[in-house]
C-alpha atoms as a PDB file:
ATOM      1  CA  GLN A   1       0.000   0.000   0.000  1.00  0.00           C
ATOM      2  CA  TRP A   2       2.827   2.390   0.873  1.00  0.00           C
ATOM      3  CA  MET A   3       4.485   1.999  -2.525  1.00  0.00           C
ATOM      4  CA  LYS A   4       1.154   2.522  -4.325  1.00  0.00           C
ATOM      5  CA  ASP A   5       0.564   5.709  -2.326  1.00  0.00           C
ATOM      6  CA  GLU A   6       4.071   6.958  -3.119  1.00  0.00           C
ATOM      7  CA  ALA A   7       3.638   6.234  -6.838  1.00  0.00           C
ATOM      8  CA  GLU A   8       0.383   8.181  -6.887  1.00  0.00           C
ATOM      9  CA  LYS A   9       2.118  11.175  -5.274  1.00  0.00           C
ATOM     10  CA  SER A  10       5.139  11.118  -7.605  1.00  0.00           C
ATOM     11  CA  GLN A  11       5.464  13.395 -10.631  1.00  0.00           C
ATOM     12  CA  VAL A  12       6.481  10.461 -12.797  1.00  0.00           C
ATOM     13  CA  PHE A  13       3.449   8.275 -12.053  1.00  0.00           C
ATOM     14  CA  SER A  14       0.839  10.782 -10.851  1.00  0.00           C
ATOM     15  CA  ASN A  15      -1.145  10.544 -14.106  1.00  0.00           C
ATOM     16  CA  CYS A  16      -0.880   6.763 -14.356  1.00  0.00           C
ATOM     17  CA  ARG A  17      -3.314   4.161 -13.111  1.00  0.00           C
ATOM     18  CA  THR A  18      -1.913   2.398 -10.059  1.00  0.00           C
ATOM     19  CA  VAL A  19      -3.106  -0.949  -8.806  1.00  0.00           C
ATOM     20  CA  LEU A  20      -2.317  -2.645  -5.516  1.00  0.00           C
ATOM     21  CA  ILE A  21      -1.491  -6.331  -5.916  1.00  0.00           C
ATOM     22  CA  PRO A  22      -1.930  -8.055  -2.543  1.00  0.00           C
ATOM     23  CA  ASN A  23       0.930 -10.081  -1.109  1.00  0.00           C
ATOM     24  CA  GLY A  24       0.910 -13.505  -2.736  1.00  0.00           C
ATOM     25  CA  LEU A  25       2.325 -15.196   0.360  1.00  0.00           C
ATOM     26  CA  ASP A  26       0.314 -16.393   3.300  1.00  0.00           C
ATOM     27  CA  THR A  27       1.667 -14.036   5.966  1.00  0.00           C
ATOM     28  CA  SER A  28       0.405 -16.280   8.756  1.00  0.00           C
ATOM     29  CA  ILE A  29       3.003 -18.841   7.602  1.00  0.00           C
ATOM     30  CA  TYR A  30       5.676 -16.691   5.939  1.00  0.00           C
ATOM     31  CA  ARG A  31       6.369 -13.824   8.270  1.00  0.00           C
ATOM     32  CA  HIS A  32       9.196 -11.601   9.358  1.00  0.00           C
ATOM     33  CA  GLY A  33      11.305 -13.233  12.010  1.00  0.00           C
ATOM     34  CA  VAL A  34      14.464 -12.634  13.961  1.00  0.00           C
ATOM     35  CA  ARG A  35      17.490 -12.798  11.640  1.00  0.00           C
ATOM     36  CA  LEU A  36      19.714 -14.344  14.270  1.00  0.00           C
ATOM     37  CA  ASP A  37      17.193 -17.145  14.845  1.00  0.00           C
ATOM     38  CA  ALA A  38      17.090 -17.846  11.103  1.00  0.00           C
ATOM     39  CA  LYS A  39      20.892 -17.912  10.904  1.00  0.00           C
ATOM     40  CA  ARG A  40      21.072 -20.321  13.826  1.00  0.00           C
ATOM     41  CA  ALA A  41      18.440 -22.601  12.273  1.00  0.00           C
ATOM     42  CA  LEU A  42      20.461 -22.699   9.049  1.00  0.00           C
ATOM     43  CA  GLY A  43      23.803 -23.158  10.820  1.00  0.00           C
ATOM     44  CA  ILE A  44      25.128 -19.783   9.629  1.00  0.00           C
ATOM     45  CA  ASP A  45      27.502 -17.850  11.891  1.00  0.00           C
ATOM     46  CA  GLU A  46      25.873 -14.694  13.260  1.00  0.00           C
ATOM     47  CA  SER A  47      28.609 -12.426  11.823  1.00  0.00           C
ATOM     48  CA  THR A  48      28.078 -13.744   8.278  1.00  0.00           C
ATOM     49  CA  VAL A  49      26.454 -11.367   5.805  1.00  0.00           C
ATOM     50  CA  VAL A  50      23.615 -13.225   4.086  1.00  0.00           C
ATOM     51  CA  LEU A  51      22.349 -12.351   0.611  1.00  0.00           C
ATOM     52  CA  MET A  52      19.226 -13.994  -0.766  1.00  0.00           C
ATOM     53  CA  PHE A  53      18.665 -14.668  -4.453  1.00  0.00           C
ATOM     54  CA  GLY A  54      15.787 -16.429  -6.113  1.00  0.00           C
ATOM     55  CA  ALA A  55      15.608 -17.664  -9.681  1.00  0.00           C
ATOM     56  CA  ALA A  56      14.668 -20.856 -11.467  1.00  0.00           C
ATOM     57  CA  HIS A  57      17.848 -20.552 -13.483  1.00  0.00           C
ATOM     58  CA  GLY A  58      20.843 -18.455 -12.380  1.00  0.00           C
ATOM     59  CA  LYS A  59      21.913 -17.744 -15.951  1.00  0.00           C
ATOM     60  CA  SER A  60      18.617 -16.058 -16.802  1.00  0.00           C
ATOM     61  CA  LYS A  61      19.714 -12.500 -17.609  1.00  0.00           C
ATOM     62  CA  ARG A  62      16.408 -10.985 -16.511  1.00  0.00           C
ATOM     63  CA  LYS A  63      16.863 -12.325 -12.967  1.00  0.00           C
ATOM     64  CA  GLY A  64      19.941 -10.189 -12.362  1.00  0.00           C
ATOM     65  CA  PHE A  65      22.523 -12.824 -11.469  1.00  0.00           C
ATOM     66  CA  ASP A  66      25.154 -10.490 -12.939  1.00  0.00           C
ATOM     67  CA  LEU A  67      24.062  -7.829 -10.442  1.00  0.00           C
ATOM     68  CA  LEU A  68      24.297 -10.326  -7.593  1.00  0.00           C
ATOM     69  CA  ALA A  69      27.855 -11.225  -8.618  1.00  0.00           C
ATOM     70  CA  LYS A  70      28.769  -7.521  -8.790  1.00  0.00           C
ATOM     71  CA  ALA A  71      27.199  -6.881  -5.360  1.00  0.00           C
ATOM     72  CA  ILE A  72      29.163  -9.772  -3.840  1.00  0.00           C
ATOM     73  CA  ARG A  73      32.426  -8.383  -5.248  1.00  0.00           C
ATOM     74  CA  GLU A  74      31.665  -4.879  -3.944  1.00  0.00           C
ATOM     75  CA  ILE A  75      30.595  -6.100  -0.505  1.00  0.00           C
ATOM     76  CA  ALA A  76      33.671  -8.337  -0.222  1.00  0.00           C
ATOM     77  CA  GLN A  77      35.932  -5.343  -0.869  1.00  0.00           C
ATOM     78  CA  SER A  78      34.246  -3.202   1.793  1.00  0.00           C
ATOM     79  CA  SER A  79      36.289  -2.454   4.906  1.00  0.00           C
ATOM     80  CA  ALA A  80      33.215  -3.359   6.991  1.00  0.00           C
ATOM     81  CA  MET A  81      33.599  -6.947   5.762  1.00  0.00           C
ATOM     82  CA  GLU A  82      37.010  -7.542   7.297  1.00  0.00           C
ATOM     83  CA  GLY A  83      36.921 -10.904   9.042  1.00  0.00           C
ATOM     84  CA  ARG A  84      33.345 -11.624   7.924  1.00  0.00           C
ATOM     85  CA  ASP A  85      32.016 -14.162   5.468  1.00  0.00           C
ATOM     86  CA  ILE A  86      29.306 -13.802   2.841  1.00  0.00           C
ATOM     87  CA  ALA A  87      26.693 -16.498   2.349  1.00  0.00           C
ATOM     88  CA  VAL A  88      24.276 -16.593  -0.575  1.00  0.00           C
ATOM     89  CA  VAL A  89      20.990 -18.298   0.164  1.00  0.00           C
ATOM     90  CA  SER A  90      19.377 -19.211  -3.121  1.00  0.00           C
ATOM     91  CA  MET A  91      16.005 -20.666  -3.911  1.00  0.00           C
END
């Protein structure tokens, strides 16, 4: 709803029809949780930076795998990453 409201207020989209598409996930099952709990459940060290990526096929250009690879390189070179690992959780 927030994004729809913002689009309607913007100069770029103010004259366009906007439609809210409800969340396709059952939020009683799939809900926000505590990151540390999720890392523990998956056996990931709490200091590890976790990136999530979803695609049926990683080589599909429209899914942005090239952008993921670029982001991993940039994050790995960051001084904030010293002594930390990166994990990619893919589905």
